[in-house]
Protein backbone atom coordinates (compact mmCIF):
# COMPACT_ATOMS: atom_id res chain seq x y z
CA ALA A 1 135.93 -68.72 268.63
CA ASN A 2 135.38 -70.23 272.02
CA GLY A 3 133.17 -67.43 273.28
CA LEU A 4 135.61 -66.36 275.96
CA ASN A 5 137.01 -62.89 276.41
CA LYS A 6 140.09 -62.72 278.59
CA ARG A 7 143.04 -60.54 279.34
CA THR A 8 146.27 -62.45 278.77
CA ALA A 9 149.53 -62.20 280.64
CA LYS A 10 151.33 -61.30 277.37
CA LYS A 11 149.26 -58.12 277.00
CA ASN A 12 149.74 -57.16 280.65
CA PRO A 13 153.13 -58.42 281.88
CA GLY A 14 153.45 -58.47 285.64
CA LYS A 15 149.68 -58.29 286.18
CA LYS A 16 147.42 -61.12 287.20
CA THR A 17 145.06 -62.35 284.56
CA ARG A 18 141.33 -62.42 285.14
CA ALA A 19 139.28 -65.56 284.94
CA PRO A 20 137.63 -65.92 281.53
CA THR A 21 134.32 -64.13 281.09
CA LYS A 22 131.80 -66.31 279.31
CA SER A 23 130.07 -64.65 276.38
CA PHE A 24 127.90 -67.67 275.74
CA THR A 25 127.18 -71.13 277.03
CA PHE A 26 124.65 -73.89 276.44
CA VAL A 27 121.59 -75.11 278.27
CA MET A 28 121.64 -78.85 277.78
CA GLY A 29 119.33 -81.73 278.59
CA LEU A 30 119.43 -85.50 278.54
CA LEU A 31 116.40 -87.77 278.49
CA ILE A 32 116.99 -91.01 280.41
CA SER A 33 114.51 -93.85 280.05
CA PRO A 34 113.55 -96.21 282.89
CA ARG A 35 115.81 -98.79 281.24
CA GLY A 36 118.77 -96.41 281.12
CA ALA A 37 118.72 -95.35 277.46
CA ARG A 38 120.13 -91.84 277.09
CA VAL A 39 118.85 -89.43 274.45
CA PRO A 40 120.56 -86.02 274.28
CA MET A 41 118.18 -83.13 273.71
CA PRO A 42 118.99 -80.31 271.29
CA ARG A 43 121.02 -77.76 273.19
CA LYS A 44 119.95 -74.14 273.52
CA THR A 45 122.54 -71.37 273.13
CA TRP A 46 122.51 -68.76 275.89
CA ARG A 47 124.28 -65.43 275.36
CA THR A 48 125.04 -62.68 277.85
CA LYS A 49 123.09 -59.47 277.31
CA ASP A 50 126.22 -57.73 276.00
CA TYR A 51 127.12 -60.54 273.62
CA ALA A 52 123.53 -60.84 272.33
CA GLY A 53 123.61 -57.08 271.69
CA GLN A 54 126.90 -57.38 269.77
CA LEU A 55 125.30 -60.05 267.59
CA ARG A 56 122.07 -58.04 267.32
CA ARG A 57 120.08 -60.90 268.79
CA LYS A 58 117.37 -60.82 271.39
CA TYR A 59 118.59 -61.70 274.92
CA VAL A 60 116.90 -64.82 276.33
CA SER A 61 117.49 -66.00 279.92
CA LYS A 62 118.72 -69.49 280.79
CA ILE A 63 115.44 -70.09 282.61
CA THR A 64 113.41 -69.25 279.49
CA LEU A 65 115.58 -71.60 277.44
CA ALA A 66 115.07 -74.38 279.99
CA VAL A 67 111.30 -73.83 279.91
CA GLN A 68 111.42 -74.10 276.10
CA MET A 69 113.41 -77.33 276.43
CA VAL A 70 110.87 -78.86 278.84
CA GLU A 71 108.00 -77.78 276.58
CA ASP A 72 109.72 -79.38 273.56
CA ALA A 73 110.24 -82.63 275.50
CA VAL A 74 106.59 -82.74 276.63
CA ARG A 75 105.39 -82.12 273.08
CA ARG A 76 107.60 -84.87 271.59
CA LEU A 77 107.11 -87.58 274.21
CA PRO A 78 104.23 -90.03 273.82
CA ALA A 79 101.09 -89.37 275.88
CA GLY A 80 101.17 -90.94 279.32
CA VAL A 81 104.95 -90.63 279.79
CA ASP A 82 105.86 -89.17 283.18
CA LEU A 83 108.65 -86.62 282.84
CA VAL A 84 110.87 -85.78 285.80
CA VAL A 85 113.27 -82.86 285.41
CA LEU A 86 116.41 -82.89 287.55
CA ALA A 87 118.07 -79.46 287.52
CA ASP A 88 120.66 -77.54 289.50
CA ALA A 89 119.86 -74.70 291.90
CA LEU A 90 119.89 -72.06 289.15
CA TYR A 91 116.54 -73.40 287.95
CA ASP A 92 114.83 -73.22 291.34
CA THR A 93 112.84 -70.19 290.21
CA GLU A 94 109.15 -69.41 290.31
CA GLU A 95 109.05 -69.14 286.49
CA PHE A 96 110.60 -72.58 285.92
CA VAL A 97 108.60 -74.39 288.62
CA LYS A 98 105.31 -72.86 287.39
CA ALA A 99 106.10 -73.91 283.82
CA CYS A 100 106.84 -77.48 284.94
CA ARG A 101 103.54 -77.55 286.84
CA ARG A 102 101.71 -76.25 283.77
CA PHE A 103 103.21 -79.09 281.69
CA LYS A 104 102.47 -81.59 284.51
CA VAL A 105 106.19 -82.30 284.90
CA THR A 106 107.87 -83.14 288.20
CA VAL A 107 110.86 -80.91 288.88
CA ILE A 108 113.65 -81.67 291.36
CA THR A 109 116.30 -79.05 292.11
CA SER A 110 118.88 -78.59 294.79
CA LEU A 111 118.42 -75.79 297.28
CA ASP A 112 120.92 -73.30 298.59
CA SER A 113 121.45 -74.16 302.27
CA ALA A 114 121.54 -70.43 303.04
CA ARG A 115 118.02 -69.95 301.61
CA VAL A 116 116.01 -67.79 304.00
CA PHE A 117 112.39 -68.52 304.85
CA ALA A 118 109.91 -65.89 305.98
CA ASP A 119 107.80 -66.77 309.01
CA VAL A 120 104.03 -67.23 308.75
CA ARG A 121 103.37 -63.50 309.15
CA GLY A 122 105.64 -62.79 306.19
CA GLY A 123 108.29 -61.09 308.28
CA ARG A 124 111.81 -62.17 309.10
CA SER A 125 111.68 -61.81 312.86
CA LYS A 126 113.07 -65.21 313.81
CA GLY A 127 116.77 -65.80 314.43
CA ALA A 128 119.09 -66.73 311.56
CA GLU A 129 119.17 -70.39 312.65
CA GLU A 130 115.39 -70.62 312.29
CA ARG A 131 115.25 -68.77 308.97
CA THR A 132 117.71 -70.73 306.84
CA LEU A 133 117.24 -74.14 305.30
CA HIS A 134 120.49 -75.26 306.93
CA GLY A 135 119.40 -73.92 310.29
CA ARG A 136 116.05 -75.65 310.15
CA GLY A 137 117.74 -78.90 309.25
CA ARG A 138 120.19 -78.59 312.14
CA ASN A 139 117.32 -77.97 314.55
CA LEU A 140 115.38 -81.10 313.59
CA PRO A 141 115.35 -83.89 316.19
CA LYS A 142 117.60 -86.86 315.40
CA ASP A 143 114.60 -89.18 315.09
CA ALA A 144 113.35 -87.06 312.15
CA PHE A 145 116.08 -88.60 309.97
CA GLU A 146 116.19 -92.00 308.35
CA ARG A 147 119.44 -93.69 307.39
CA ILE A 148 119.47 -94.97 303.81
CA VAL A 149 122.34 -97.13 302.57
CA PHE A 150 122.97 -97.51 298.84
CA GLU A 151 124.83 -100.44 297.39
CA ALA A 152 126.47 -99.28 294.18
CA GLY A 153 124.85 -100.93 291.20
CA ALA A 154 122.13 -102.67 293.21
CA GLU A 155 119.64 -99.88 293.91
CA GLY A 156 116.62 -99.28 291.72
CA THR A 157 118.14 -96.27 289.96
CA ALA A 158 121.38 -98.01 288.92
CA SER A 159 120.28 -98.23 285.29
CA TYR A 160 120.08 -94.42 285.10
CA ARG A 161 123.79 -94.00 285.77
CA ARG A 162 126.92 -94.88 283.93
CA ARG A 163 129.25 -96.81 286.13
CA THR A 164 132.48 -98.43 285.10
CA ALA A 165 132.95 -101.84 286.64
CA LYS A 166 136.12 -102.14 288.69
CA VAL A 167 138.75 -104.26 287.00
């Protein structure tokens, strides 16, 4: 089974089909060494609350699984190794960031440009342009930015990526 539940056109002729609903997915990680070696980490299976209930298993959030994955990596890596976690915006949560701090791990996530900031007093009295990450960025003076040019394959992080040479 692929873990997808979907209504098919054969069962409902003339009706649009829905996008598949995921019953489960995986939280995956990849360790990349400074020299570019890639070591896949054991994946963690995440199940929706309904699907976990059908299987009579305890529901565990994706964030909790990611925290477990970081903890496993910290425990298995030699002492003195600096671990940097690069994650998508889903993992920009207080629980995940606190766990990474507890394990002395640097975490980098993307931010939603519509993220809203509260002002110093804790209220939201400023205009929308001032409150969002995007708005604050747009209101920065031009001299606050620095142009950085990357030359593919020549920058310091090139060994972390896979890049096919042009033929």
